[in-house]
Amino acid sequence: METFKVTLDRIEGCTAVLLLRGDESIKIDVPLFLLPQESKEGDILNISIERDVQETEAAKERVSALLEKLKNKNKGAE
């Protein structure tokens, strides 16, 4: 899991503008509703990103099933 710190630089309407701590040239815009409710400008936030292997595999299986269904549908139309 990757974890990093950001500063809540400003709020623009429904968007929070986050700046990566240590390299404020990297800006991340996120919907405001994704932040903790009490967040305010100047707060330091921890962001975690984790790869979800199970969900990725499930999505691949769904796409494969849909492709197979489309192939079979096209065979019947010939």
PDB file of N, CA and C in Angstrom:
ATOM      1  N   MET A   1       0.842  -1.168   0.000  1.00  0.00           N
ATOM      2  CA  MET A   1       0.000   0.000   0.000  1.00  0.00           C
ATOM      3  C   MET A   1       0.894   1.241   0.000  1.00  0.00           C
ATOM      4  N   GLU A   2       0.569   2.165  -0.858  1.00  0.00           N
ATOM      5  CA  GLU A   2       1.287   3.436  -0.920  1.00  0.00           C
ATOM      6  C   GLU A   2       0.540   4.461  -0.080  1.00  0.00           C
ATOM      7  N   THR A   3       1.258   5.150   0.788  1.00  0.00           N
ATOM      8  CA  THR A   3       0.671   6.197   1.613  1.00  0.00           C
ATOM      9  C   THR A   3       1.508   7.455   1.461  1.00  0.00           C
ATOM     10  N   PHE A   4       0.837   8.585   1.319  1.00  0.00           N
ATOM     11  CA  PHE A   4       1.554   9.848   1.223  1.00  0.00           C
ATOM     12  C   PHE A   4       0.728  10.955   1.857  1.00  0.00           C
ATOM     13  N   LYS A   5       1.381  12.061   2.122  1.00  0.00           N
ATOM     14  CA  LYS A   5       0.724  13.195   2.767  1.00  0.00           C
ATOM     15  C   LYS A   5       0.475  14.296   1.745  1.00  0.00           C
ATOM     16  N   VAL A   6      -0.667  14.970   1.919  1.00  0.00           N
ATOM     17  CA  VAL A   6      -1.023  16.107   1.084  1.00  0.00           C
ATOM     18  C   VAL A   6      -1.515  17.236   1.982  1.00  0.00           C
ATOM     19  N   THR A   7      -1.461  18.433   1.441  1.00  0.00           N
ATOM     20  CA  THR A   7      -2.037  19.596   2.109  1.00  0.00           C
ATOM     21  C   THR A   7      -3.313  19.965   1.374  1.00  0.00           C
ATOM     22  N   LEU A   8      -4.385  20.191   2.116  1.00  0.00           N
ATOM     23  CA  LEU A   8      -5.615  20.697   1.511  1.00  0.00           C
ATOM     24  C   LEU A   8      -5.382  22.185   1.255  1.00  0.00           C
ATOM     25  N   ASP A   9      -5.001  22.506   0.034  1.00  0.00           N
ATOM     26  CA  ASP A   9      -4.618  23.866  -0.335  1.00  0.00           C
ATOM     27  C   ASP A   9      -5.822  24.797  -0.374  1.00  0.00           C
ATOM     28  N   ARG A  10      -6.873  24.345  -1.074  1.00  0.00           N
ATOM     29  CA  ARG A  10      -8.061  25.192  -1.206  1.00  0.00           C
ATOM     30  C   ARG A  10      -9.251  24.356  -1.638  1.00  0.00           C
ATOM     31  N   ILE A  11     -10.416  24.955  -1.489  1.00  0.00           N
ATOM     32  CA  ILE A  11     -11.658  24.325  -1.920  1.00  0.00           C
ATOM     33  C   ILE A  11     -12.252  25.227  -2.993  1.00  0.00           C
ATOM     34  N   GLU A  12     -12.493  24.635  -4.161  1.00  0.00           N
ATOM     35  CA  GLU A  12     -13.075  25.363  -5.290  1.00  0.00           C
ATOM     36  C   GLU A  12     -14.416  24.727  -5.613  1.00  0.00           C
ATOM     37  N   GLY A  13     -15.478  25.304  -5.102  1.00  0.00           N
ATOM     38  CA  GLY A  13     -16.808  24.738  -5.307  1.00  0.00           C
ATOM     39  C   GLY A  13     -16.901  23.392  -4.627  1.00  0.00           C
ATOM     40  N   CYS A  14     -17.103  22.338  -5.405  1.00  0.00           N
ATOM     41  CA  CYS A  14     -17.224  20.973  -4.874  1.00  0.00           C
ATOM     42  C   CYS A  14     -15.925  20.187  -5.039  1.00  0.00           C
ATOM     43  N   THR A  15     -14.822  20.884  -5.320  1.00  0.00           N
ATOM     44  CA  THR A  15     -13.538  20.231  -5.555  1.00  0.00           C
ATOM     45  C   THR A  15     -12.513  20.677  -4.519  1.00  0.00           C
ATOM     46  N   ALA A  16     -11.797  19.703  -3.971  1.00  0.00           N
ATOM     47  CA  ALA A  16     -10.693  19.985  -3.056  1.00  0.00           C
ATOM     48  C   ALA A  16      -9.402  19.926  -3.863  1.00  0.00           C
ATOM     49  N   VAL A  17      -8.570  20.930  -3.701  1.00  0.00           N
ATOM     50  CA  VAL A  17      -7.276  20.972  -4.374  1.00  0.00           C
ATOM     51  C   VAL A  17      -6.220  20.582  -3.344  1.00  0.00           C
ATOM     52  N   LEU A  18      -5.579  19.442  -3.587  1.00  0.00           N
ATOM     53  CA  LEU A  18      -4.573  18.905  -2.677  1.00  0.00           C
ATOM     54  C   LEU A  18      -3.196  19.077  -3.296  1.00  0.00           C
ATOM     55  N   LEU A  19      -2.215  19.396  -2.458  1.00  0.00           N
ATOM     56  CA  LEU A  19      -0.829  19.516  -2.916  1.00  0.00           C
ATOM     57  C   LEU A  19       0.008  18.468  -2.205  1.00  0.00           C
ATOM     58  N   LEU A  20       0.811  17.752  -2.972  1.00  0.00           N
ATOM     59  CA  LEU A  20       1.665  16.711  -2.414  1.00  0.00           C
ATOM     60  C   LEU A  20       2.726  17.336  -1.521  1.00  0.00           C
ATOM     61  N   ARG A  21       2.824  16.846  -0.288  1.00  0.00           N
ATOM     62  CA  ARG A  21       3.838  17.357   0.646  1.00  0.00           C
ATOM     63  C   ARG A  21       5.213  16.962   0.120  1.00  0.00           C
ATOM     64  N   GLY A  22       6.129  17.899   0.112  1.00  0.00           N
ATOM     65  CA  GLY A  22       7.474  17.627  -0.380  1.00  0.00           C
ATOM     66  C   GLY A  22       7.655  18.009  -1.836  1.00  0.00           C
ATOM     67  N   ASP A  23       6.558  18.096  -2.591  1.00  0.00           N
ATOM     68  CA  ASP A  23       6.615  18.539  -3.983  1.00  0.00           C
ATOM     69  C   ASP A  23       5.282  19.181  -4.326  1.00  0.00           C
ATOM     70  N   GLU A  24       5.110  20.414  -3.870  1.00  0.00           N
ATOM     71  CA  GLU A  24       3.830  21.098  -4.043  1.00  0.00           C
ATOM     72  C   GLU A  24       3.499  21.430  -5.494  1.00  0.00           C
ATOM     73  N   SER A  25       4.407  21.107  -6.427  1.00  0.00           N
ATOM     74  CA  SER A  25       4.079  21.303  -7.837  1.00  0.00           C
ATOM     75  C   SER A  25       3.106  20.225  -8.312  1.00  0.00           C
ATOM     76  N   ILE A  26       2.957  19.156  -7.518  1.00  0.00           N
ATOM     77  CA  ILE A  26       2.019  18.082  -7.865  1.00  0.00           C
ATOM     78  C   ILE A  26       0.688  18.381  -7.192  1.00  0.00           C
ATOM     79  N   LYS A  27      -0.319  18.627  -8.027  1.00  0.00           N
ATOM     80  CA  LYS A  27      -1.649  19.007  -7.565  1.00  0.00           C
ATOM     81  C   LYS A  27      -2.622  17.867  -7.857  1.00  0.00           C
ATOM     82  N   ILE A  28      -3.484  17.577  -6.906  1.00  0.00           N
ATOM     83  CA  ILE A  28      -4.492  16.530  -7.073  1.00  0.00           C
ATOM     84  C   ILE A  28      -5.856  17.145  -6.785  1.00  0.00           C
ATOM     85  N   ASP A  29      -6.755  17.092  -7.761  1.00  0.00           N
ATOM     86  CA  ASP A  29      -8.123  17.565  -7.566  1.00  0.00           C
ATOM     87  C   ASP A  29      -9.008  16.368  -7.247  1.00  0.00           C
ATOM     88  N   VAL A  30      -9.754  16.467  -6.155  1.00  0.00           N
ATOM     89  CA  VAL A  30     -10.670  15.382  -5.785  1.00  0.00           C
ATOM     90  C   VAL A  30     -12.017  15.980  -5.397  1.00  0.00           C
ATOM     91  N   PRO A  31     -13.087  15.226  -5.625  1.00  0.00           N
ATOM     92  CA  PRO A  31     -14.393  15.708  -5.170  1.00  0.00           C
ATOM     93  C   PRO A  31     -14.372  15.911  -3.656  1.00  0.00           C
ATOM     94  N   LEU A  32     -14.936  17.008  -3.220  1.00  0.00           N
ATOM     95  CA  LEU A  32     -14.924  17.370  -1.808  1.00  0.00           C
ATOM     96  C   LEU A  32     -15.565  16.297  -0.934  1.00  0.00           C
ATOM     97  N   PHE A  33     -16.593  15.609  -1.454  1.00  0.00           N
ATOM     98  CA  PHE A  33     -17.296  14.614  -0.639  1.00  0.00           C
ATOM     99  C   PHE A  33     -16.409  13.425  -0.259  1.00  0.00           C
ATOM    100  N   LEU A  34     -15.260  13.251  -0.912  1.00  0.00           N
ATOM    101  CA  LEU A  34     -14.358  12.151  -0.571  1.00  0.00           C
ATOM    102  C   LEU A  34     -13.503  12.446   0.660  1.00  0.00           C
ATOM    103  N   LEU A  35     -13.444  13.696   1.074  1.00  0.00           N
ATOM    104  CA  LEU A  35     -12.627  14.069   2.231  1.00  0.00           C
ATOM    105  C   LEU A  35     -13.432  13.941   3.518  1.00  0.00           C
ATOM    106  N   PRO A  36     -12.740  13.795   4.645  1.00  0.00           N
ATOM    107  CA  PRO A  36     -13.452  13.799   5.925  1.00  0.00           C
ATOM    108  C   PRO A  36     -14.262  15.094   6.055  1.00  0.00           C
ATOM    109  N   GLN A  37     -15.438  14.990   6.619  1.00  0.00           N
ATOM    110  CA  GLN A  37     -16.382  16.109   6.672  1.00  0.00           C
ATOM    111  C   GLN A  37     -15.792  17.364   7.320  1.00  0.00           C
ATOM    112  N   GLU A  38     -14.960  17.186   8.332  1.00  0.00           N
ATOM    113  CA  GLU A  38     -14.423  18.333   9.065  1.00  0.00           C
ATOM    114  C   GLU A  38     -13.170  18.936   8.418  1.00  0.00           C
ATOM    115  N   SER A  39     -12.779  18.459   7.236  1.00  0.00           N
ATOM    116  CA  SER A  39     -11.567  18.954   6.573  1.00  0.00           C
ATOM    117  C   SER A  39     -11.695  20.433   6.229  1.00  0.00           C
ATOM    118  N   LYS A  40     -10.571  21.140   6.383  1.00  0.00           N
ATOM    119  CA  LYS A  40     -10.553  22.561   6.041  1.00  0.00           C
ATOM    120  C   LYS A  40      -9.209  22.910   5.407  1.00  0.00           C
ATOM    121  N   GLU A  41      -9.172  24.052   4.740  1.00  0.00           N
ATOM    122  CA  GLU A  41      -7.951  24.500   4.080  1.00  0.00           C
ATOM    123  C   GLU A  41      -6.807  24.557   5.080  1.00  0.00           C
ATOM    124  N   GLY A  42      -5.648  24.067   4.657  1.00  0.00           N
ATOM    125  CA  GLY A  42      -4.468  24.041   5.509  1.00  0.00           C
ATOM    126  C   GLY A  42      -4.257  22.712   6.215  1.00  0.00           C
ATOM    127  N   ASP A  43      -5.283  21.855   6.233  1.00  0.00           N
ATOM    128  CA  ASP A  43      -5.150  20.544   6.878  1.00  0.00           C
ATOM    129  C   ASP A  43      -4.161  19.663   6.117  1.00  0.00           C
ATOM    130  N   ILE A  44      -3.441  18.841   6.866  1.00  0.00           N
ATOM    131  CA  ILE A  44      -2.581  17.813   6.282  1.00  0.00           C
ATOM    132  C   ILE A  44      -3.368  16.509   6.321  1.00  0.00           C
ATOM    133  N   LEU A  45      -3.436  15.836   5.182  1.00  0.00           N
ATOM    134  CA  LEU A  45      -4.204  14.597   5.063  1.00  0.00           C
ATOM    135  C   LEU A  45      -3.291  13.456   4.647  1.00  0.00           C
ATOM    136  N   ASN A  46      -3.595  12.268   5.111  1.00  0.00           N
ATOM    137  CA  ASN A  46      -2.907  11.053   4.672  1.00  0.00           C
ATOM    138  C   ASN A  46      -3.746  10.400   3.585  1.00  0.00           C
ATOM    139  N   ILE A  47      -3.120  10.070   2.477  1.00  0.00           N
ATOM    140  CA  ILE A  47      -3.789   9.407   1.361  1.00  0.00           C
ATOM    141  C   ILE A  47      -3.164   8.025   1.208  1.00  0.00           C
ATOM    142  N   SER A  48      -3.999   7.004   1.106  1.00  0.00           N
ATOM    143  CA  SER A  48      -3.525   5.633   0.893  1.00  0.00           C
ATOM    144  C   SER A  48      -4.110   5.109  -0.408  1.00  0.00           C
ATOM    145  N   ILE A  49      -3.257   4.453  -1.182  1.00  0.00           N
ATOM    146  CA  ILE A  49      -3.695   3.829  -2.427  1.00  0.00           C
ATOM    147  C   ILE A  49      -3.268   2.375  -2.376  1.00  0.00           C
ATOM    148  N   GLU A  50      -4.234   1.516  -2.597  1.00  0.00           N
ATOM    149  CA  GLU A  50      -3.977   0.082  -2.524  1.00  0.00           C
ATOM    150  C   GLU A  50      -4.578  -0.592  -3.753  1.00  0.00           C
ATOM    151  N   ARG A  51      -3.830  -1.456  -4.354  1.00  0.00           N
ATOM    152  CA  ARG A  51      -4.316  -2.232  -5.498  1.00  0.00           C
ATOM    153  C   ARG A  51      -5.256  -3.313  -4.982  1.00  0.00           C
ATOM    154  N   ASP A  52      -6.429  -3.434  -5.604  1.00  0.00           N
ATOM    155  CA  ASP A  52      -7.420  -4.428  -5.198  1.00  0.00           C
ATOM    156  C   ASP A  52      -7.410  -5.563  -6.225  1.00  0.00           C
ATOM    157  N   VAL A  53      -6.615  -6.582  -5.954  1.00  0.00           N
ATOM    158  CA  VAL A  53      -6.416  -7.690  -6.890  1.00  0.00           C
ATOM    159  C   VAL A  53      -7.717  -8.451  -7.123  1.00  0.00           C
ATOM    160  N   GLN A  54      -8.459  -8.731  -6.079  1.00  0.00           N
ATOM    161  CA  GLN A  54      -9.708  -9.489  -6.222  1.00  0.00           C
ATOM    162  C   GLN A  54     -10.713  -8.740  -7.087  1.00  0.00           C
ATOM    163  N   GLU A  55     -10.862  -7.454  -6.851  1.00  0.00           N
ATOM    164  CA  GLU A  55     -11.813  -6.655  -7.632  1.00  0.00           C
ATOM    165  C   GLU A  55     -11.364  -6.546  -9.084  1.00  0.00           C
ATOM    166  N   THR A  56     -10.055  -6.461  -9.309  1.00  0.00           N
ATOM    167  CA  THR A  56      -9.519  -6.412 -10.666  1.00  0.00           C
ATOM    168  C   THR A  56      -9.847  -7.695 -11.414  1.00  0.00           C
ATOM    169  N   GLU A  57      -9.636  -8.827 -10.772  1.00  0.00           N
ATOM    170  CA  GLU A  57      -9.935 -10.118 -11.407  1.00  0.00           C
ATOM    171  C   GLU A  57     -11.425 -10.261 -11.688  1.00  0.00           C
ATOM    172  N   ALA A  58     -12.255  -9.832 -10.758  1.00  0.00           N
ATOM    173  CA  ALA A  58     -13.707  -9.912 -10.955  1.00  0.00           C
ATOM    174  C   ALA A  58     -14.127  -9.052 -12.148  1.00  0.00           C
ATOM    175  N   ALA A  59     -13.544  -7.869 -12.282  1.00  0.00           N
ATOM    176  CA  ALA A  59     -13.860  -6.993 -13.409  1.00  0.00           C
ATOM    177  C   ALA A  59     -13.419  -7.627 -14.726  1.00  0.00           C
ATOM    178  N   LYS A  60     -12.239  -8.245 -14.739  1.00  0.00           N
ATOM    179  CA  LYS A  60     -11.755  -8.921 -15.948  1.00  0.00           C
ATOM    180  C   LYS A  60     -12.697 -10.049 -16.351  1.00  0.00           C
ATOM    181  N   GLU A  61     -13.168 -10.803 -15.370  1.00  0.00           N
ATOM    182  CA  GLU A  61     -14.087 -11.906 -15.657  1.00  0.00           C
ATOM    183  C   GLU A  61     -15.405 -11.388 -16.225  1.00  0.00           C
ATOM    184  N   ARG A  62     -15.920 -10.284 -15.673  1.00  0.00           N
ATOM    185  CA  ARG A  62     -17.167  -9.701 -16.186  1.00  0.00           C
ATOM    186  C   ARG A  62     -16.993  -9.243 -17.630  1.00  0.00           C
ATOM    187  N   VAL A  63     -15.871  -8.596 -17.928  1.00  0.00           N
ATOM    188  CA  VAL A  63     -15.616  -8.118 -19.285  1.00  0.00           C
ATOM    189  C   VAL A  63     -15.468  -9.295 -20.240  1.00  0.00           C
ATOM    190  N   SER A  64     -14.763 -10.326 -19.831  1.00  0.00           N
ATOM    191  CA  SER A  64     -14.604 -11.515 -20.680  1.00  0.00           C
ATOM    192  C   SER A  64     -15.950 -12.157 -20.973  1.00  0.00           C
ATOM    193  N   ALA A  65     -16.800 -12.239 -19.961  1.00  0.00           N
ATOM    194  CA  ALA A  65     -18.129 -12.828 -20.149  1.00  0.00           C
ATOM    195  C   ALA A  65     -18.958 -11.987 -21.114  1.00  0.00           C
ATOM    196  N   LEU A  66     -18.881 -10.669 -20.999  1.00  0.00           N
ATOM    197  CA  LEU A  66     -19.620  -9.799 -21.916  1.00  0.00           C
ATOM    198  C   LEU A  66     -19.098  -9.927 -23.342  1.00  0.00           C
ATOM    199  N   LEU A  67     -17.779 -10.000 -23.509  1.00  0.00           N
ATOM    200  CA  LEU A  67     -17.210 -10.173 -24.843  1.00  0.00           C
ATOM    201  C   LEU A  67     -17.645 -11.497 -25.461  1.00  0.00           C
ATOM    202  N   GLU A  68     -17.637 -12.535 -24.655  1.00  0.00           N
ATOM    203  CA  GLU A  68     -18.069 -13.851 -25.140  1.00  0.00           C
ATOM    204  C   GLU A  68     -19.534 -13.812 -25.563  1.00  0.00           C
ATOM    205  N   LYS A  69     -20.345 -13.137 -24.780  1.00  0.00           N
ATOM    206  CA  LYS A  69     -21.771 -13.009 -25.092  1.00  0.00           C
ATOM    207  C   LYS A  69     -21.958 -12.261 -26.415  1.00  0.00           C
ATOM    208  N   LEU A  70     -21.182 -11.193 -26.623  1.00  0.00           N
ATOM    209  CA  LEU A  70     -21.265 -10.443 -27.874  1.00  0.00           C
ATOM    210  C   LEU A  70     -20.807 -11.284 -29.063  1.00  0.00           C
ATOM    211  N   LYS A  71     -19.740 -12.057 -28.889  1.00  0.00           N
ATOM    212  CA  LYS A  71     -19.260 -12.924 -29.969  1.00  0.00           C
ATOM    213  C   LYS A  71     -20.326 -13.937 -30.354  1.00  0.00           C
ATOM    214  N   ASN A  72     -20.953 -14.538 -29.348  1.00  0.00           N
ATOM    215  CA  ASN A  72     -21.995 -15.532 -29.613  1.00  0.00           C
ATOM    216  C   ASN A  72     -23.210 -14.893 -30.267  1.00  0.00           C
ATOM    217  N   LYS A  73     -23.530 -13.675 -29.884  1.00  0.00           N
ATOM    218  CA  LYS A  73     -24.666 -12.965 -30.468  1.00  0.00           C
ATOM    219  C   LYS A  73     -24.391 -12.670 -31.938  1.00  0.00           C
ATOM    220  N   ASN A  74     -23.155 -12.270 -32.250  1.00  0.00           N
ATOM    221  CA  ASN A  74     -22.787 -11.976 -33.635  1.00  0.00           C
ATOM    222  C   ASN A  74     -22.777 -13.235 -34.492  1.00  0.00           C
ATOM    223  N   LYS A  75     -22.412 -14.378 -33.918  1.00  0.00           N
ATOM    224  CA  LYS A  75     -22.427 -15.638 -34.668  1.00  0.00           C
ATOM    225  C   LYS A  75     -23.852 -15.998 -35.064  1.00  0.00           C
ATOM    226  N   GLY A  76     -24.801 -15.733 -34.194  1.00  0.00           N
ATOM    227  CA  GLY A  76     -26.202 -16.032 -34.474  1.00  0.00           C
ATOM    228  C   GLY A  76     -26.800 -15.111 -35.519  1.00  0.00           C
ATOM    229  N   ALA A  77     -26.223 -13.938 -35.717  1.00  0.00           N
ATOM    230  CA  ALA A  77     -26.744 -12.960 -36.674  1.00  0.00           C
ATOM    231  C   ALA A  77     -26.256 -13.240 -38.092  1.00  0.00           C
ATOM    232  N   GLU A  78     -25.258 -14.095 -38.248  1.00  0.00           N
ATOM    233  CA  GLU A  78     -24.690 -14.370 -39.583  1.00  0.00           C
ATOM    234  C   GLU A  78     -25.567 -15.271 -40.393  1.00  0.00           C
TER     235      GLU A  78
END
